[in-house]
Amino acid sequence: MAKQINTAKQKAWKRAEARVIQFADKLGKGVDKGIRETVVGLNALGINTSSSCEGHLNWGTGAPYIDIEANNKGPAKLKKNVKRNQREIQKVLLLLDKFYNNHKAPFDRRLTIQAWGWSIGRLESQGVAVLDALPKAAKAKKLKEYQKEMTSFGKFLKKQ
């Protein structure tokens, strides 16, 4: 039985990995290598992602993030889409709870979900809100710490 479960998990991972490799942004760029495993893990667990970045010092938020958004296709009303998005976010919150039960991290590195747009959830480190106030060297250090935290979460997801 355990072997069947592991095989099913591996197949789900491979399917999600094949999908994620095909993702591209408006510029035609794929998912950043440094965040790919976490994006694959979420998708393998049935959580839809809509955008991500491994974090960069010269542009963007300066920290890795993954946007969580239900696959809101079709003419559904906004209220229905918001509820779908909130259900996707709830799935991630449950995973984060499980992750942090056994994983210790400083408060600013801990991953959380921030509201983004019409109840889209952005998975990112809590300290991202104050990055702009830091000197460049401190930002670089924090970027590496936040990337490591996102990678740790990705490894956790792979075990799920």
N, C-alpha and C. Protein backbone atom coordinates (compact mmCIF):
# COMPACT_ATOMS: atom_id res chain seq x y z
N MET A 1 0.82 -1.20 0.00
CA MET A 1 0.00 0.00 0.00
C MET A 1 0.86 1.26 0.00
N ALA A 2 1.90 1.29 0.86
CA ALA A 2 2.78 2.46 0.93
C ALA A 2 3.48 2.69 -0.40
N LYS A 3 3.84 1.60 -1.09
CA LYS A 3 4.51 1.73 -2.38
C LYS A 3 3.56 2.35 -3.41
N GLN A 4 2.27 1.97 -3.36
CA GLN A 4 1.28 2.55 -4.26
C GLN A 4 1.12 4.05 -4.01
N ILE A 5 1.11 4.44 -2.75
CA ILE A 5 0.99 5.85 -2.39
C ILE A 5 2.19 6.62 -2.91
N ASN A 6 3.40 6.09 -2.69
CA ASN A 6 4.61 6.76 -3.17
C ASN A 6 4.61 6.87 -4.69
N THR A 7 4.16 5.82 -5.37
CA THR A 7 4.09 5.86 -6.83
C THR A 7 3.09 6.92 -7.28
N ALA A 8 1.95 7.00 -6.62
CA ALA A 8 0.94 8.00 -6.96
C ALA A 8 1.49 9.41 -6.73
N LYS A 9 2.21 9.60 -5.62
CA LYS A 9 2.82 10.91 -5.33
C LYS A 9 3.84 11.28 -6.41
N GLN A 10 4.65 10.30 -6.79
CA GLN A 10 5.68 10.55 -7.81
C GLN A 10 5.04 10.92 -9.15
N LYS A 11 3.95 10.23 -9.50
CA LYS A 11 3.25 10.53 -10.75
C LYS A 11 2.64 11.93 -10.71
N ALA A 12 2.04 12.28 -9.58
CA ALA A 12 1.45 13.62 -9.43
C ALA A 12 2.54 14.68 -9.55
N TRP A 13 3.70 14.42 -8.94
CA TRP A 13 4.82 15.36 -9.01
C TRP A 13 5.28 15.52 -10.46
N LYS A 14 5.45 14.41 -11.16
CA LYS A 14 5.93 14.46 -12.56
C LYS A 14 4.93 15.21 -13.45
N ARG A 15 3.62 14.98 -13.24
CA ARG A 15 2.61 15.69 -14.03
C ARG A 15 2.68 17.19 -13.77
N ALA A 16 2.78 17.56 -12.49
CA ALA A 16 2.87 18.98 -12.14
C ALA A 16 4.14 19.60 -12.69
N GLU A 17 5.23 18.87 -12.60
CA GLU A 17 6.52 19.36 -13.11
C GLU A 17 6.44 19.61 -14.62
N ALA A 18 5.81 18.69 -15.35
CA ALA A 18 5.66 18.86 -16.79
C ALA A 18 4.83 20.10 -17.13
N ARG A 19 3.78 20.36 -16.33
CA ARG A 19 2.94 21.56 -16.54
C ARG A 19 3.73 22.83 -16.23
N VAL A 20 4.40 22.83 -15.08
CA VAL A 20 5.10 24.04 -14.62
C VAL A 20 6.23 24.42 -15.58
N ILE A 21 6.90 23.45 -16.14
CA ILE A 21 7.98 23.73 -17.09
C ILE A 21 7.46 24.49 -18.31
N GLN A 22 6.19 24.32 -18.61
CA GLN A 22 5.59 25.00 -19.76
C GLN A 22 5.05 26.39 -19.42
N PHE A 23 4.96 26.74 -18.15
CA PHE A 23 4.47 28.06 -17.76
C PHE A 23 5.39 29.14 -18.32
N ALA A 24 4.81 30.25 -18.74
CA ALA A 24 5.60 31.39 -19.21
C ALA A 24 4.87 32.68 -18.88
N ASP A 25 5.65 33.73 -18.62
CA ASP A 25 5.04 35.03 -18.37
C ASP A 25 4.81 35.76 -19.69
N LYS A 26 4.41 37.01 -19.62
CA LYS A 26 4.11 37.78 -20.83
C LYS A 26 5.34 38.02 -21.69
N LEU A 27 6.52 37.88 -21.10
CA LEU A 27 7.76 38.04 -21.86
C LEU A 27 8.27 36.69 -22.40
N GLY A 28 7.51 35.64 -22.11
CA GLY A 28 7.90 34.30 -22.57
C GLY A 28 8.90 33.59 -21.67
N LYS A 29 9.17 34.17 -20.51
CA LYS A 29 10.13 33.56 -19.58
C LYS A 29 9.40 32.55 -18.69
N GLY A 30 10.06 31.43 -18.44
CA GLY A 30 9.50 30.39 -17.61
C GLY A 30 9.65 30.69 -16.13
N VAL A 31 9.23 29.74 -15.31
CA VAL A 31 9.32 29.88 -13.86
C VAL A 31 10.79 29.88 -13.46
N ASP A 32 11.17 30.84 -12.63
CA ASP A 32 12.56 30.93 -12.16
C ASP A 32 12.98 29.62 -11.52
N LYS A 33 14.20 29.21 -11.83
CA LYS A 33 14.72 27.93 -11.33
C LYS A 33 14.71 27.87 -9.80
N GLY A 34 15.00 28.99 -9.15
CA GLY A 34 15.10 29.02 -7.70
C GLY A 34 13.78 28.86 -6.96
N ILE A 35 12.67 28.91 -7.67
CA ILE A 35 11.36 28.77 -7.01
C ILE A 35 10.53 27.65 -7.64
N ARG A 36 11.06 27.06 -8.69
CA ARG A 36 10.32 26.05 -9.46
C ARG A 36 9.83 24.88 -8.60
N GLU A 37 10.69 24.35 -7.72
CA GLU A 37 10.30 23.20 -6.92
C GLU A 37 9.08 23.51 -6.05
N THR A 38 9.04 24.69 -5.49
CA THR A 38 7.90 25.07 -4.64
C THR A 38 6.64 25.23 -5.48
N VAL A 39 6.75 25.82 -6.65
CA VAL A 39 5.60 25.96 -7.56
C VAL A 39 5.10 24.57 -7.98
N VAL A 40 6.03 23.68 -8.32
CA VAL A 40 5.65 22.31 -8.69
C VAL A 40 4.94 21.65 -7.51
N GLY A 41 5.49 21.78 -6.31
CA GLY A 41 4.90 21.16 -5.13
C GLY A 41 3.48 21.61 -4.88
N LEU A 42 3.24 22.90 -4.98
CA LEU A 42 1.88 23.41 -4.78
C LEU A 42 0.93 22.86 -5.84
N ASN A 43 1.37 22.90 -7.09
CA ASN A 43 0.54 22.39 -8.18
C ASN A 43 0.30 20.89 -8.06
N ALA A 44 1.30 20.14 -7.62
CA ALA A 44 1.15 18.69 -7.43
C ALA A 44 0.12 18.39 -6.36
N LEU A 45 -0.02 19.28 -5.41
CA LEU A 45 -1.01 19.10 -4.33
C LEU A 45 -2.37 19.71 -4.69
N GLY A 46 -2.52 20.13 -5.94
CA GLY A 46 -3.81 20.64 -6.40
C GLY A 46 -4.05 22.10 -6.10
N ILE A 47 -2.99 22.84 -5.81
CA ILE A 47 -3.12 24.27 -5.52
C ILE A 47 -2.67 25.05 -6.74
N ASN A 48 -3.55 25.86 -7.26
CA ASN A 48 -3.26 26.60 -8.48
C ASN A 48 -2.42 27.84 -8.19
N THR A 49 -1.39 28.03 -8.97
CA THR A 49 -0.54 29.22 -8.86
C THR A 49 -0.70 30.04 -10.13
N SER A 50 -0.58 31.36 -10.00
CA SER A 50 -0.78 32.21 -11.16
C SER A 50 0.44 33.05 -11.52
N SER A 51 1.39 33.17 -10.59
CA SER A 51 2.57 33.99 -10.83
C SER A 51 3.61 33.66 -9.77
N SER A 52 4.88 33.85 -10.10
CA SER A 52 5.93 33.59 -9.11
C SER A 52 7.22 34.30 -9.51
N CYS A 53 8.12 34.41 -8.54
CA CYS A 53 9.44 35.00 -8.78
C CYS A 53 10.37 34.51 -7.68
N GLU A 54 11.62 34.21 -8.05
CA GLU A 54 12.59 33.75 -7.05
C GLU A 54 13.18 34.90 -6.25
N GLY A 55 12.92 36.12 -6.66
CA GLY A 55 13.43 37.30 -5.97
C GLY A 55 14.68 37.83 -6.64
N HIS A 56 14.76 39.13 -6.76
CA HIS A 56 15.89 39.80 -7.41
C HIS A 56 16.18 41.11 -6.68
N LEU A 57 17.43 41.48 -6.62
CA LEU A 57 17.79 42.73 -5.95
C LEU A 57 17.55 43.95 -6.82
N ASN A 58 17.66 43.81 -8.12
CA ASN A 58 17.59 44.98 -9.00
C ASN A 58 16.18 45.30 -9.51
N TRP A 59 15.21 44.46 -9.24
CA TRP A 59 13.83 44.75 -9.63
C TRP A 59 12.88 43.84 -8.86
N GLY A 60 11.62 44.19 -8.89
CA GLY A 60 10.62 43.38 -8.20
C GLY A 60 10.62 43.64 -6.71
N THR A 61 10.14 42.65 -5.95
CA THR A 61 9.98 42.82 -4.51
C THR A 61 11.25 42.55 -3.72
N GLY A 62 12.26 41.97 -4.33
CA GLY A 62 13.50 41.66 -3.61
C GLY A 62 13.38 40.42 -2.76
N ALA A 63 12.32 39.65 -2.97
CA ALA A 63 12.12 38.41 -2.21
C ALA A 63 11.29 37.46 -3.07
N PRO A 64 11.43 36.16 -2.85
CA PRO A 64 10.62 35.22 -3.62
C PRO A 64 9.15 35.30 -3.24
N TYR A 65 8.29 35.03 -4.21
CA TYR A 65 6.85 34.98 -3.94
C TYR A 65 6.19 34.02 -4.92
N ILE A 66 5.02 33.55 -4.52
CA ILE A 66 4.15 32.75 -5.39
C ILE A 66 2.73 33.24 -5.17
N ASP A 67 2.06 33.61 -6.26
CA ASP A 67 0.67 34.02 -6.15
C ASP A 67 -0.22 32.79 -6.26
N ILE A 68 -1.16 32.69 -5.32
CA ILE A 68 -2.11 31.58 -5.25
C ILE A 68 -3.45 32.11 -5.73
N GLU A 69 -3.99 31.47 -6.76
CA GLU A 69 -5.26 31.93 -7.31
C GLU A 69 -5.98 30.74 -7.93
N ALA A 70 -7.24 30.58 -7.61
CA ALA A 70 -8.03 29.51 -8.21
C ALA A 70 -8.06 29.68 -9.72
N ASN A 71 -8.28 28.60 -10.41
CA ASN A 71 -8.37 28.62 -11.86
C ASN A 71 -9.75 29.16 -12.24
N ASN A 72 -9.89 30.48 -12.21
CA ASN A 72 -11.19 31.14 -12.41
C ASN A 72 -11.45 31.38 -13.89
N LYS A 73 -11.81 30.32 -14.57
CA LYS A 73 -12.13 30.45 -15.99
C LYS A 73 -13.64 30.50 -16.15
N GLY A 74 -14.07 31.16 -17.18
CA GLY A 74 -15.50 31.20 -17.46
C GLY A 74 -16.15 32.45 -16.90
N PRO A 75 -17.45 32.55 -17.09
CA PRO A 75 -18.17 33.78 -16.75
C PRO A 75 -18.67 33.87 -15.30
N ALA A 76 -18.02 33.17 -14.39
CA ALA A 76 -18.47 33.21 -12.99
C ALA A 76 -18.43 34.64 -12.47
N LYS A 77 -19.32 34.92 -11.54
CA LYS A 77 -19.36 36.25 -10.94
C LYS A 77 -18.16 36.45 -10.02
N LEU A 78 -17.80 37.69 -9.83
CA LEU A 78 -16.64 38.04 -9.01
C LEU A 78 -16.72 37.40 -7.62
N LYS A 79 -17.88 37.44 -7.00
CA LYS A 79 -18.04 36.89 -5.66
C LYS A 79 -17.68 35.40 -5.63
N LYS A 80 -18.08 34.66 -6.65
CA LYS A 80 -17.76 33.24 -6.74
C LYS A 80 -16.25 33.04 -6.91
N ASN A 81 -15.62 33.86 -7.74
CA ASN A 81 -14.17 33.76 -7.94
C ASN A 81 -13.41 34.07 -6.65
N VAL A 82 -13.88 35.06 -5.91
CA VAL A 82 -13.23 35.41 -4.65
C VAL A 82 -13.30 34.22 -3.69
N LYS A 83 -14.45 33.58 -3.61
CA LYS A 83 -14.60 32.41 -2.73
C LYS A 83 -13.68 31.28 -3.17
N ARG A 84 -13.56 31.05 -4.46
CA ARG A 84 -12.65 30.02 -4.97
C ARG A 84 -11.20 30.35 -4.59
N ASN A 85 -10.83 31.61 -4.75
CA ASN A 85 -9.48 32.03 -4.38
C ASN A 85 -9.23 31.82 -2.89
N GLN A 86 -10.21 32.15 -2.09
CA GLN A 86 -10.07 31.99 -0.64
C GLN A 86 -9.90 30.52 -0.26
N ARG A 87 -10.57 29.61 -0.97
CA ARG A 87 -10.40 28.17 -0.71
C ARG A 87 -8.98 27.73 -1.06
N GLU A 88 -8.43 28.25 -2.15
CA GLU A 88 -7.05 27.91 -2.53
C GLU A 88 -6.08 28.39 -1.44
N ILE A 89 -6.30 29.61 -0.97
CA ILE A 89 -5.45 30.18 0.08
C ILE A 89 -5.54 29.35 1.35
N GLN A 90 -6.73 28.90 1.69
CA GLN A 90 -6.91 28.07 2.89
C GLN A 90 -6.08 26.80 2.81
N LYS A 91 -6.01 26.20 1.63
CA LYS A 91 -5.19 24.99 1.45
C LYS A 91 -3.73 25.28 1.79
N VAL A 92 -3.25 26.42 1.33
CA VAL A 92 -1.85 26.78 1.59
C VAL A 92 -1.63 27.07 3.06
N LEU A 93 -2.58 27.73 3.70
CA LEU A 93 -2.46 28.02 5.13
C LEU A 93 -2.35 26.73 5.94
N LEU A 94 -3.10 25.71 5.57
CA LEU A 94 -3.02 24.42 6.25
C LEU A 94 -1.64 23.78 6.07
N LEU A 95 -1.09 23.89 4.87
CA LEU A 95 0.26 23.37 4.62
C LEU A 95 1.31 24.14 5.41
N LEU A 96 1.17 25.46 5.46
CA LEU A 96 2.12 26.27 6.23
C LEU A 96 2.07 25.91 7.71
N ASP A 97 0.88 25.68 8.22
CA ASP A 97 0.73 25.28 9.62
C ASP A 97 1.48 23.98 9.88
N LYS A 98 1.30 23.03 9.00
CA LYS A 98 1.99 21.73 9.13
C LYS A 98 3.51 21.91 9.00
N PHE A 99 3.93 22.72 8.06
CA PHE A 99 5.36 22.98 7.84
C PHE A 99 6.01 23.58 9.08
N TYR A 100 5.38 24.60 9.65
CA TYR A 100 5.97 25.30 10.80
C TYR A 100 5.79 24.56 12.12
N ASN A 101 5.05 23.49 12.13
CA ASN A 101 5.01 22.65 13.33
C ASN A 101 6.36 21.99 13.60
N ASN A 102 7.12 21.74 12.53
CA ASN A 102 8.42 21.06 12.66
C ASN A 102 9.59 21.87 12.13
N HIS A 103 9.34 23.06 11.65
CA HIS A 103 10.40 23.88 11.05
C HIS A 103 10.46 25.22 11.78
N LYS A 104 11.61 25.50 12.34
CA LYS A 104 11.79 26.76 13.06
C LYS A 104 12.48 27.78 12.14
N ALA A 105 12.00 28.99 12.19
CA ALA A 105 12.60 30.07 11.39
C ALA A 105 12.34 31.39 12.09
N PRO A 106 13.28 32.35 11.95
CA PRO A 106 13.04 33.68 12.51
C PRO A 106 11.75 34.27 11.92
N PHE A 107 11.11 35.10 12.69
CA PHE A 107 9.80 35.64 12.33
C PHE A 107 9.79 36.24 10.92
N ASP A 108 10.78 37.04 10.56
CA ASP A 108 10.73 37.71 9.27
C ASP A 108 10.88 36.75 8.10
N ARG A 109 11.48 35.59 8.30
CA ARG A 109 11.65 34.61 7.22
C ARG A 109 10.42 33.73 7.01
N ARG A 110 9.61 33.62 8.05
CA ARG A 110 8.44 32.72 7.96
C ARG A 110 7.54 33.12 6.81
N LEU A 111 7.09 32.12 6.09
CA LEU A 111 6.20 32.36 4.96
C LEU A 111 4.78 32.59 5.46
N THR A 112 4.10 33.46 4.77
CA THR A 112 2.72 33.78 5.09
C THR A 112 2.00 34.12 3.80
N ILE A 113 0.70 34.31 3.89
CA ILE A 113 -0.10 34.71 2.73
C ILE A 113 -0.55 36.15 2.93
N GLN A 114 -0.22 36.98 1.97
CA GLN A 114 -0.67 38.38 1.98
C GLN A 114 -1.78 38.53 0.95
N ALA A 115 -2.77 39.34 1.24
CA ALA A 115 -3.84 39.63 0.27
C ALA A 115 -3.26 40.40 -0.90
N TRP A 116 -3.68 40.05 -2.08
CA TRP A 116 -3.16 40.67 -3.30
C TRP A 116 -4.30 40.74 -4.30
N GLY A 117 -4.74 41.91 -4.66
CA GLY A 117 -5.81 42.03 -5.64
C GLY A 117 -7.13 41.49 -5.12
N TRP A 118 -7.88 40.84 -5.96
CA TRP A 118 -9.20 40.30 -5.62
C TRP A 118 -9.06 38.99 -4.86
N SER A 119 -8.51 39.09 -3.67
CA SER A 119 -8.33 37.94 -2.78
C SER A 119 -7.37 36.90 -3.33
N ILE A 120 -6.50 37.29 -4.23
CA ILE A 120 -5.41 36.42 -4.63
C ILE A 120 -4.45 36.43 -3.44
N GLY A 121 -3.88 35.30 -3.11
CA GLY A 121 -2.94 35.23 -2.00
C GLY A 121 -1.52 35.21 -2.49
N ARG A 122 -0.68 35.99 -1.89
CA ARG A 122 0.75 35.99 -2.24
C ARG A 122 1.50 35.32 -1.11
N LEU A 123 2.12 34.19 -1.42
CA LEU A 123 2.96 33.46 -0.48
C LEU A 123 4.34 34.11 -0.51
N GLU A 124 4.75 34.64 0.64
CA GLU A 124 6.06 35.30 0.73
C GLU A 124 6.48 35.40 2.19
N SER A 125 7.74 35.73 2.39
CA SER A 125 8.24 35.90 3.75
C SER A 125 7.64 37.15 4.39
N GLN A 126 7.41 37.09 5.69
CA GLN A 126 6.78 38.20 6.40
C GLN A 126 7.61 39.47 6.38
N GLY A 127 8.91 39.35 6.30
CA GLY A 127 9.77 40.53 6.35
C GLY A 127 9.85 41.34 5.08
N VAL A 128 9.20 40.88 4.01
CA VAL A 128 9.30 41.57 2.73
C VAL A 128 8.79 43.01 2.82
N ALA A 129 7.89 43.28 3.72
CA ALA A 129 7.29 44.61 3.83
C ALA A 129 8.29 45.69 4.21
N VAL A 130 9.39 45.32 4.84
CA VAL A 130 10.35 46.34 5.28
C VAL A 130 11.67 46.28 4.51
N LEU A 131 11.74 45.51 3.45
CA LEU A 131 13.00 45.39 2.69
C LEU A 131 13.50 46.72 2.15
N ASP A 132 12.59 47.56 1.69
CA ASP A 132 13.01 48.83 1.10
C ASP A 132 13.71 49.74 2.10
N ALA A 133 13.49 49.53 3.37
CA ALA A 133 14.13 50.37 4.39
C ALA A 133 15.56 49.92 4.70
N LEU A 134 15.98 48.79 4.17
CA LEU A 134 17.31 48.24 4.49
C LEU A 134 18.37 48.71 3.51
N PRO A 135 19.62 48.80 3.96
CA PRO A 135 20.71 49.10 3.03
C PRO A 135 20.91 47.92 2.07
N LYS A 136 21.56 48.16 0.96
CA LYS A 136 21.70 47.17 -0.11
C LYS A 136 22.32 45.85 0.38
N ALA A 137 23.34 45.90 1.20
CA ALA A 137 23.99 44.69 1.70
C ALA A 137 23.03 43.87 2.56
N ALA A 138 22.24 44.54 3.36
CA ALA A 138 21.26 43.85 4.21
C ALA A 138 20.16 43.23 3.35
N LYS A 139 19.75 43.95 2.29
CA LYS A 139 18.74 43.41 1.38
C LYS A 139 19.24 42.12 0.72
N ALA A 140 20.50 42.13 0.31
CA ALA A 140 21.09 40.95 -0.34
C ALA A 140 21.09 39.76 0.62
N LYS A 141 21.43 40.03 1.87
CA LYS A 141 21.44 38.96 2.89
C LYS A 141 20.03 38.42 3.11
N LYS A 142 19.07 39.32 3.22
CA LYS A 142 17.68 38.91 3.44
C LYS A 142 17.14 38.13 2.24
N LEU A 143 17.49 38.55 1.02
CA LEU A 143 17.05 37.83 -0.17
C LEU A 143 17.48 36.37 -0.09
N LYS A 144 18.73 36.14 0.25
CA LYS A 144 19.24 34.76 0.36
C LYS A 144 18.50 33.99 1.46
N GLU A 145 18.25 34.63 2.58
CA GLU A 145 17.52 33.98 3.68
C GLU A 145 16.10 33.62 3.24
N TYR A 146 15.44 34.55 2.58
CA TYR A 146 14.06 34.32 2.16
C TYR A 146 13.99 33.25 1.07
N GLN A 147 14.98 33.24 0.18
CA GLN A 147 15.03 32.19 -0.85
C GLN A 147 15.23 30.82 -0.20
N LYS A 148 16.07 30.76 0.81
CA LYS A 148 16.31 29.50 1.51
C LYS A 148 15.03 29.01 2.18
N GLU A 149 14.26 29.91 2.76
CA GLU A 149 13.00 29.54 3.41
C GLU A 149 12.01 28.99 2.39
N MET A 150 11.89 29.65 1.23
CA MET A 150 10.98 29.18 0.19
C MET A 150 11.42 27.81 -0.32
N THR A 151 12.72 27.61 -0.46
CA THR A 151 13.25 26.31 -0.89
C THR A 151 12.94 25.23 0.14
N SER A 152 13.08 25.56 1.42
CA SER A 152 12.75 24.60 2.48
C SER A 152 11.28 24.19 2.40
N PHE A 153 10.41 25.15 2.12
CA PHE A 153 8.99 24.85 1.98
C PHE A 153 8.76 23.95 0.76
N GLY A 154 9.49 24.20 -0.32
CA GLY A 154 9.39 23.36 -1.51
C GLY A 154 9.79 21.92 -1.23
N LYS A 155 10.85 21.73 -0.47
CA LYS A 155 11.29 20.37 -0.10
C LYS A 155 10.24 19.69 0.78
N PHE A 156 9.63 20.46 1.67
CA PHE A 156 8.55 19.94 2.50
C PHE A 156 7.38 19.49 1.61
N LEU A 157 7.01 20.30 0.64
CA LEU A 157 5.90 19.97 -0.24
C LEU A 157 6.17 18.69 -1.01
N LYS A 158 7.40 18.49 -1.42
CA LYS A 158 7.75 17.30 -2.18
C LYS A 158 7.51 16.03 -1.36
N LYS A 159 7.67 16.12 -0.05
CA LYS A 159 7.43 14.97 0.83
C LYS A 159 5.95 14.71 1.06
N GLN A 160 5.13 15.72 0.77
CA GLN A 160 3.69 15.57 1.02
C GLN A 160 3.07 14.72 -0.07
